[in-house]
Amino acid sequence: MQQQPNLFSEKKEAANEPLPLRQRATEWVQQGWRPAGTLFAVALALLFAWSVINGHHGLSSWYQQRSQEKQIKHEIEDLQQENARLRNHVERLKTDPDAIEHEAREKLHYAKPGEVIYTLPPDPQSQPPTQPQPPAGR
């Protein structure tokens, strides 16, 4: 029986001979581009993930702005309620003589003829306790 020629025999012989530098570089690039490309893609994905979480417009910044927005909305609601209350008060003062009289008596301490106004000292329980001052000579 006759042996068939081995197709790989040329490669075995060629493997013993050193390849030119250009060919070795080409083979290295062809074999190494996938792992290098994969590594680059993973690094880029990790950088992107970090930027999404911690970046200038990331999730942490978004949560902070969201809580600040809630706080500001609450302040706006409070101010709108106070504004409505003050508008109502001004409207009452414009139209209601009893409201005008009440305001004059409370704020300006006005009295009708023959009335005596007694002003009491403030309630000591409503004031915070004061610390005794040490003598200035020491």
N, C-alpha and C. Protein backbone atom coordinates (compact mmCIF):
# COMPACT_ATOMS: atom_id res chain seq x y z
N MET A 1 0.82 -1.15 0.00
CA MET A 1 0.00 0.00 0.00
C MET A 1 0.88 1.24 0.00
N GLN A 2 0.42 2.15 -0.73
CA GLN A 2 1.22 3.35 -0.91
C GLN A 2 0.72 4.43 0.05
N GLN A 3 1.61 5.11 0.68
CA GLN A 3 1.22 6.17 1.62
C GLN A 3 0.86 7.43 0.86
N GLN A 4 -0.19 8.02 1.38
CA GLN A 4 -0.60 9.27 0.77
C GLN A 4 0.28 10.39 1.31
N PRO A 5 0.51 11.34 0.51
CA PRO A 5 1.34 12.44 1.00
C PRO A 5 0.60 13.22 2.10
N ASN A 6 1.33 13.55 3.09
CA ASN A 6 0.78 14.30 4.21
C ASN A 6 0.68 15.77 3.83
N LEU A 7 -0.53 16.30 3.93
CA LEU A 7 -0.74 17.69 3.54
C LEU A 7 -0.11 18.65 4.54
N PHE A 8 0.08 18.20 5.76
CA PHE A 8 0.63 19.07 6.79
C PHE A 8 2.15 19.03 6.87
N SER A 9 2.74 18.24 6.03
CA SER A 9 4.19 18.10 6.09
C SER A 9 4.88 19.40 5.71
N GLU A 10 4.27 20.14 4.82
CA GLU A 10 4.88 21.41 4.43
C GLU A 10 4.87 22.39 5.61
N LYS A 11 3.78 22.33 6.37
CA LYS A 11 3.70 23.24 7.50
C LYS A 11 4.69 22.85 8.57
N LYS A 12 4.93 21.56 8.73
CA LYS A 12 5.90 21.14 9.74
C LYS A 12 7.28 21.62 9.35
N GLU A 13 7.55 21.52 8.08
CA GLU A 13 8.84 21.99 7.62
C GLU A 13 8.93 23.51 7.73
N ALA A 14 7.81 24.16 7.45
CA ALA A 14 7.80 25.62 7.52
C ALA A 14 7.88 26.07 8.97
N ALA A 15 7.37 25.29 9.88
CA ALA A 15 7.40 25.68 11.28
C ALA A 15 8.82 25.68 11.82
N ASN A 16 9.66 24.89 11.24
CA ASN A 16 11.04 24.86 11.68
C ASN A 16 11.80 26.10 11.23
N GLU A 17 11.37 26.70 10.17
CA GLU A 17 12.05 27.90 9.67
C GLU A 17 11.44 29.12 10.34
N PRO A 18 12.24 30.08 10.73
CA PRO A 18 11.69 31.29 11.32
C PRO A 18 10.93 32.10 10.26
N LEU A 19 9.81 32.67 10.70
CA LEU A 19 9.00 33.48 9.79
C LEU A 19 9.53 34.90 9.78
N PRO A 20 9.32 35.59 8.68
CA PRO A 20 9.75 36.98 8.64
C PRO A 20 8.97 37.81 9.68
N LEU A 21 9.57 38.86 10.10
CA LEU A 21 8.98 39.71 11.15
C LEU A 21 7.61 40.23 10.75
N ARG A 22 7.46 40.66 9.54
CA ARG A 22 6.19 41.21 9.07
C ARG A 22 5.09 40.15 9.15
N GLN A 23 5.40 38.96 8.78
CA GLN A 23 4.40 37.89 8.81
C GLN A 23 4.07 37.51 10.25
N ARG A 24 5.09 37.47 11.11
CA ARG A 24 4.83 37.17 12.52
C ARG A 24 3.95 38.26 13.15
N ALA A 25 4.22 39.51 12.84
CA ALA A 25 3.42 40.61 13.37
C ALA A 25 1.98 40.53 12.88
N THR A 26 1.80 40.19 11.61
CA THR A 26 0.46 40.06 11.05
C THR A 26 -0.30 38.93 11.74
N GLU A 27 0.35 37.81 11.96
CA GLU A 27 -0.30 36.69 12.64
C GLU A 27 -0.63 37.05 14.09
N TRP A 28 0.26 37.76 14.76
CA TRP A 28 0.01 38.15 16.15
C TRP A 28 -1.19 39.10 16.23
N VAL A 29 -1.29 40.05 15.29
CA VAL A 29 -2.40 40.99 15.27
C VAL A 29 -3.69 40.23 14.98
N GLN A 30 -3.64 39.28 14.04
CA GLN A 30 -4.84 38.53 13.71
C GLN A 30 -5.30 37.67 14.89
N GLN A 31 -4.38 37.14 15.66
CA GLN A 31 -4.75 36.31 16.80
C GLN A 31 -5.07 37.15 18.04
N GLY A 32 -4.46 38.29 18.18
CA GLY A 32 -4.60 39.07 19.41
C GLY A 32 -5.65 40.16 19.37
N TRP A 33 -6.22 40.47 18.25
CA TRP A 33 -7.17 41.58 18.19
C TRP A 33 -8.47 41.28 18.94
N ARG A 34 -8.90 40.04 18.92
CA ARG A 34 -10.15 39.72 19.61
C ARG A 34 -10.03 39.86 21.13
N PRO A 35 -9.03 39.26 21.77
CA PRO A 35 -8.93 39.47 23.23
C PRO A 35 -8.70 40.95 23.58
N ALA A 36 -7.91 41.64 22.79
CA ALA A 36 -7.67 43.05 23.07
C ALA A 36 -8.95 43.86 22.86
N GLY A 37 -9.67 43.54 21.81
CA GLY A 37 -10.94 44.23 21.56
C GLY A 37 -11.96 43.94 22.64
N THR A 38 -12.00 42.70 23.09
CA THR A 38 -12.91 42.34 24.18
C THR A 38 -12.54 43.08 25.45
N LEU A 39 -11.27 43.11 25.76
CA LEU A 39 -10.81 43.83 26.95
C LEU A 39 -11.15 45.31 26.86
N PHE A 40 -10.97 45.89 25.69
CA PHE A 40 -11.29 47.30 25.49
C PHE A 40 -12.79 47.53 25.65
N ALA A 41 -13.62 46.63 25.10
CA ALA A 41 -15.07 46.77 25.20
C ALA A 41 -15.53 46.65 26.65
N VAL A 42 -14.95 45.72 27.41
CA VAL A 42 -15.30 45.56 28.83
C VAL A 42 -14.90 46.81 29.61
N ALA A 43 -13.70 47.32 29.35
CA ALA A 43 -13.25 48.53 30.05
C ALA A 43 -14.16 49.71 29.72
N LEU A 44 -14.55 49.83 28.46
CA LEU A 44 -15.44 50.91 28.06
C LEU A 44 -16.82 50.76 28.72
N ALA A 45 -17.32 49.53 28.80
CA ALA A 45 -18.61 49.29 29.45
C ALA A 45 -18.53 49.63 30.94
N LEU A 46 -17.44 49.27 31.61
CA LEU A 46 -17.28 49.59 33.03
C LEU A 46 -17.19 51.10 33.24
N LEU A 47 -16.49 51.78 32.37
CA LEU A 47 -16.40 53.24 32.46
C LEU A 47 -17.77 53.88 32.26
N PHE A 48 -18.51 53.36 31.31
CA PHE A 48 -19.86 53.88 31.07
C PHE A 48 -20.77 53.63 32.27
N ALA A 49 -20.69 52.44 32.86
CA ALA A 49 -21.51 52.11 34.04
C ALA A 49 -21.15 53.03 35.21
N TRP A 50 -19.87 53.26 35.43
CA TRP A 50 -19.46 54.18 36.50
C TRP A 50 -20.00 55.58 36.24
N SER A 51 -19.94 56.02 34.98
CA SER A 51 -20.43 57.35 34.64
C SER A 51 -21.93 57.47 34.87
N VAL A 52 -22.67 56.40 34.56
CA VAL A 52 -24.12 56.43 34.76
C VAL A 52 -24.44 56.53 36.24
N ILE A 53 -23.69 55.87 37.08
CA ILE A 53 -23.98 55.86 38.52
C ILE A 53 -23.42 57.09 39.21
N ASN A 54 -22.17 57.42 39.00
CA ASN A 54 -21.50 58.46 39.76
C ASN A 54 -21.18 59.72 38.97
N GLY A 55 -21.52 59.77 37.72
CA GLY A 55 -21.13 60.91 36.88
C GLY A 55 -21.87 62.18 37.25
N HIS A 56 -21.56 63.24 36.51
CA HIS A 56 -22.14 64.57 36.77
C HIS A 56 -23.66 64.53 36.63
N HIS A 57 -24.17 63.77 35.69
CA HIS A 57 -25.61 63.62 35.49
C HIS A 57 -26.04 62.19 35.79
N GLY A 58 -25.38 61.55 36.73
CA GLY A 58 -25.64 60.16 37.06
C GLY A 58 -26.79 59.98 38.03
N LEU A 59 -26.95 58.74 38.48
CA LEU A 59 -28.06 58.40 39.38
C LEU A 59 -27.97 59.11 40.71
N SER A 60 -26.78 59.21 41.28
CA SER A 60 -26.65 59.88 42.57
C SER A 60 -27.05 61.36 42.45
N SER A 61 -26.65 61.99 41.38
CA SER A 61 -27.03 63.38 41.15
C SER A 61 -28.53 63.49 40.92
N TRP A 62 -29.09 62.51 40.22
CA TRP A 62 -30.52 62.50 39.95
C TRP A 62 -31.33 62.36 41.24
N TYR A 63 -30.90 61.46 42.14
CA TYR A 63 -31.59 61.29 43.41
C TYR A 63 -31.51 62.57 44.25
N GLN A 64 -30.36 63.20 44.25
CA GLN A 64 -30.20 64.44 45.02
C GLN A 64 -31.11 65.53 44.46
N GLN A 65 -31.16 65.67 43.15
CA GLN A 65 -32.02 66.69 42.54
C GLN A 65 -33.49 66.37 42.76
N ARG A 66 -33.83 65.09 42.78
CA ARG A 66 -35.20 64.68 43.01
C ARG A 66 -35.65 65.06 44.42
N SER A 67 -34.80 64.81 45.42
CA SER A 67 -35.17 65.19 46.79
C SER A 67 -35.24 66.70 46.93
N GLN A 68 -34.34 67.40 46.27
CA GLN A 68 -34.37 68.87 46.31
C GLN A 68 -35.65 69.39 45.65
N GLU A 69 -36.06 68.74 44.57
CA GLU A 69 -37.30 69.15 43.89
C GLU A 69 -38.51 68.95 44.80
N LYS A 70 -38.56 67.82 45.52
CA LYS A 70 -39.66 67.57 46.45
C LYS A 70 -39.70 68.64 47.55
N GLN A 71 -38.53 68.99 48.07
CA GLN A 71 -38.46 70.01 49.12
C GLN A 71 -38.95 71.36 48.59
N ILE A 72 -38.54 71.71 47.40
CA ILE A 72 -38.94 73.00 46.82
C ILE A 72 -40.44 73.00 46.54
N LYS A 73 -40.98 71.88 46.06
CA LYS A 73 -42.42 71.81 45.82
C LYS A 73 -43.20 71.99 47.13
N HIS A 74 -42.68 71.39 48.19
CA HIS A 74 -43.33 71.54 49.50
C HIS A 74 -43.29 73.00 49.95
N GLU A 75 -42.16 73.66 49.76
CA GLU A 75 -42.05 75.08 50.11
C GLU A 75 -43.01 75.91 49.28
N ILE A 76 -43.15 75.58 48.00
CA ILE A 76 -44.06 76.32 47.12
C ILE A 76 -45.50 76.16 47.61
N GLU A 77 -45.88 74.93 47.98
CA GLU A 77 -47.23 74.70 48.51
C GLU A 77 -47.47 75.53 49.76
N ASP A 78 -46.50 75.52 50.68
CA ASP A 78 -46.64 76.30 51.91
C ASP A 78 -46.80 77.79 51.61
N LEU A 79 -45.97 78.29 50.69
CA LEU A 79 -46.05 79.71 50.34
C LEU A 79 -47.36 80.05 49.64
N GLN A 80 -47.88 79.14 48.82
CA GLN A 80 -49.16 79.39 48.17
C GLN A 80 -50.30 79.42 49.19
N GLN A 81 -50.24 78.54 50.19
CA GLN A 81 -51.25 78.56 51.23
C GLN A 81 -51.19 79.85 52.04
N GLU A 82 -49.97 80.25 52.39
CA GLU A 82 -49.81 81.50 53.13
C GLU A 82 -50.27 82.69 52.30
N ASN A 83 -49.97 82.66 51.01
CA ASN A 83 -50.39 83.73 50.11
C ASN A 83 -51.92 83.81 50.04
N ALA A 84 -52.58 82.66 49.95
CA ALA A 84 -54.04 82.63 49.92
C ALA A 84 -54.62 83.14 51.23
N ARG A 85 -54.00 82.76 52.36
CA ARG A 85 -54.47 83.22 53.66
C ARG A 85 -54.34 84.75 53.76
N LEU A 86 -53.19 85.28 53.31
CA LEU A 86 -52.99 86.74 53.36
C LEU A 86 -53.92 87.48 52.42
N ARG A 87 -54.20 86.91 51.24
CA ARG A 87 -55.15 87.54 50.32
C ARG A 87 -56.54 87.61 50.97
N ASN A 88 -56.91 86.51 51.62
CA ASN A 88 -58.21 86.47 52.30
C ASN A 88 -58.26 87.51 53.42
N HIS A 89 -57.18 87.63 54.15
CA HIS A 89 -57.10 88.62 55.24
C HIS A 89 -57.20 90.04 54.69
N VAL A 90 -56.50 90.34 53.62
CA VAL A 90 -56.56 91.67 53.00
C VAL A 90 -57.96 91.95 52.49
N GLU A 91 -58.59 90.96 51.87
CA GLU A 91 -59.96 91.15 51.37
C GLU A 91 -60.93 91.42 52.52
N ARG A 92 -60.76 90.71 53.63
CA ARG A 92 -61.60 90.96 54.80
C ARG A 92 -61.37 92.37 55.34
N LEU A 93 -60.11 92.81 55.38
CA LEU A 93 -59.82 94.16 55.87
C LEU A 93 -60.40 95.23 54.96
N LYS A 94 -60.51 94.94 53.67
CA LYS A 94 -61.07 95.91 52.73
C LYS A 94 -62.59 96.03 52.87
N THR A 95 -63.23 94.93 53.25
CA THR A 95 -64.70 94.92 53.19
C THR A 95 -65.38 94.82 54.55
N ASP A 96 -64.76 94.27 55.55
CA ASP A 96 -65.42 93.98 56.82
C ASP A 96 -64.98 94.98 57.90
N PRO A 97 -65.89 95.81 58.38
CA PRO A 97 -65.53 96.77 59.43
C PRO A 97 -65.12 96.10 60.74
N ASP A 98 -65.72 94.95 61.05
CA ASP A 98 -65.34 94.24 62.27
C ASP A 98 -63.89 93.76 62.21
N ALA A 99 -63.46 93.34 61.04
CA ALA A 99 -62.07 92.90 60.88
C ALA A 99 -61.11 94.07 61.04
N ILE A 100 -61.52 95.22 60.53
CA ILE A 100 -60.68 96.41 60.69
C ILE A 100 -60.57 96.79 62.17
N GLU A 101 -61.70 96.74 62.87
CA GLU A 101 -61.69 97.06 64.30
C GLU A 101 -60.83 96.07 65.07
N HIS A 102 -60.98 94.81 64.75
CA HIS A 102 -60.19 93.78 65.45
C HIS A 102 -58.68 94.01 65.22
N GLU A 103 -58.31 94.31 63.99
CA GLU A 103 -56.90 94.55 63.67
C GLU A 103 -56.38 95.78 64.42
N ALA A 104 -57.20 96.84 64.48
CA ALA A 104 -56.79 98.06 65.16
C ALA A 104 -56.61 97.81 66.65
N ARG A 105 -57.49 97.03 67.24
CA ARG A 105 -57.39 96.74 68.68
C ARG A 105 -56.18 95.84 68.97
N GLU A 106 -55.95 94.83 68.17
CA GLU A 106 -54.88 93.86 68.43
C GLU A 106 -53.49 94.44 68.13
N LYS A 107 -53.33 95.00 66.95
CA LYS A 107 -52.00 95.43 66.52
C LYS A 107 -51.64 96.83 67.01
N LEU A 108 -52.60 97.72 66.96
CA LEU A 108 -52.31 99.11 67.28
C LEU A 108 -52.72 99.50 68.70
N HIS A 109 -53.37 98.58 69.41
CA HIS A 109 -53.82 98.82 70.78
C HIS A 109 -54.76 100.02 70.88
N TYR A 110 -55.63 100.15 69.91
CA TYR A 110 -56.65 101.21 69.96
C TYR A 110 -57.76 100.78 70.89
N ALA A 111 -58.46 101.76 71.44
CA ALA A 111 -59.57 101.48 72.33
C ALA A 111 -60.71 102.45 72.02
N LYS A 112 -61.91 102.02 72.32
CA LYS A 112 -63.08 102.89 72.16
C LYS A 112 -63.09 103.87 73.34
N PRO A 113 -63.77 104.96 73.18
CA PRO A 113 -63.85 105.91 74.30
C PRO A 113 -64.46 105.23 75.53
N GLY A 114 -63.81 105.41 76.67
CA GLY A 114 -64.27 104.86 77.92
C GLY A 114 -63.69 103.49 78.24
N GLU A 115 -62.96 102.88 77.30
CA GLU A 115 -62.35 101.56 77.55
C GLU A 115 -60.96 101.75 78.13
N VAL A 116 -60.54 100.80 78.95
CA VAL A 116 -59.20 100.81 79.50
C VAL A 116 -58.50 99.54 79.02
N ILE A 117 -57.30 99.69 78.52
CA ILE A 117 -56.55 98.53 78.02
C ILE A 117 -55.53 98.13 79.08
N TYR A 118 -55.57 96.89 79.44
CA TYR A 118 -54.60 96.33 80.38
C TYR A 118 -53.63 95.46 79.58
N THR A 119 -52.36 95.72 79.73
CA THR A 119 -51.34 94.92 79.05
C THR A 119 -50.63 94.09 80.10
N LEU A 120 -50.71 92.79 79.94
CA LEU A 120 -50.08 91.88 80.88
C LEU A 120 -48.69 91.51 80.39
N PRO A 121 -47.78 91.21 81.33
CA PRO A 121 -46.46 90.76 80.88
C PRO A 121 -46.60 89.41 80.17
N PRO A 122 -45.66 89.11 79.33
CA PRO A 122 -45.74 87.84 78.61
C PRO A 122 -45.69 86.66 79.57
N ASP A 123 -46.32 85.58 79.19
CA ASP A 123 -46.37 84.37 80.00
C ASP A 123 -44.96 83.80 80.13
N PRO A 124 -44.46 83.57 81.37
CA PRO A 124 -43.08 83.09 81.54
C PRO A 124 -42.89 81.68 80.97
N GLN A 125 -43.94 80.89 80.84
CA GLN A 125 -43.80 79.55 80.29
C GLN A 125 -43.56 79.59 78.78
N SER A 126 -44.04 80.61 78.10
CA SER A 126 -43.88 80.70 76.66
C SER A 126 -42.50 81.21 76.26
N GLN A 127 -41.79 81.85 77.20
CA GLN A 127 -40.47 82.36 76.89
C GLN A 127 -39.42 81.31 77.28
N PRO A 128 -38.35 81.21 76.51
CA PRO A 128 -37.29 80.29 76.90
C PRO A 128 -36.59 80.79 78.16
N PRO A 129 -36.15 79.89 79.03
CA PRO A 129 -35.47 80.34 80.25
C PRO A 129 -34.17 81.05 79.89
N THR A 130 -33.93 82.11 80.62
CA THR A 130 -32.70 82.87 80.36
C THR A 130 -31.62 82.41 81.33
N GLN A 131 -30.42 82.38 80.84
CA GLN A 131 -29.28 82.00 81.67
C GLN A 131 -28.85 83.21 82.48
N PRO A 132 -28.59 83.04 83.78
CA PRO A 132 -28.10 84.19 84.57
C PRO A 132 -26.74 84.62 84.04
N GLN A 133 -26.58 85.93 83.89
CA GLN A 133 -25.35 86.48 83.37
C GLN A 133 -24.32 86.56 84.50
N PRO A 134 -23.10 86.11 84.27
CA PRO A 134 -22.06 86.25 85.29
C PRO A 134 -21.69 87.72 85.45
N PRO A 135 -21.23 88.11 86.60
CA PRO A 135 -20.85 89.53 86.80
C PRO A 135 -19.77 89.92 85.79
N ALA A 136 -19.85 91.16 85.34
CA ALA A 136 -18.93 91.65 84.33
C ALA A 136 -17.54 91.89 84.90
N GLY A 137 -17.39 91.99 86.20
CA GLY A 137 -16.11 92.31 86.82
C GLY A 137 -15.13 91.16 86.77
N ARG A 138 -15.54 89.99 86.49
CA ARG A 138 -14.61 88.84 86.55
C ARG A 138 -13.97 88.56 85.26
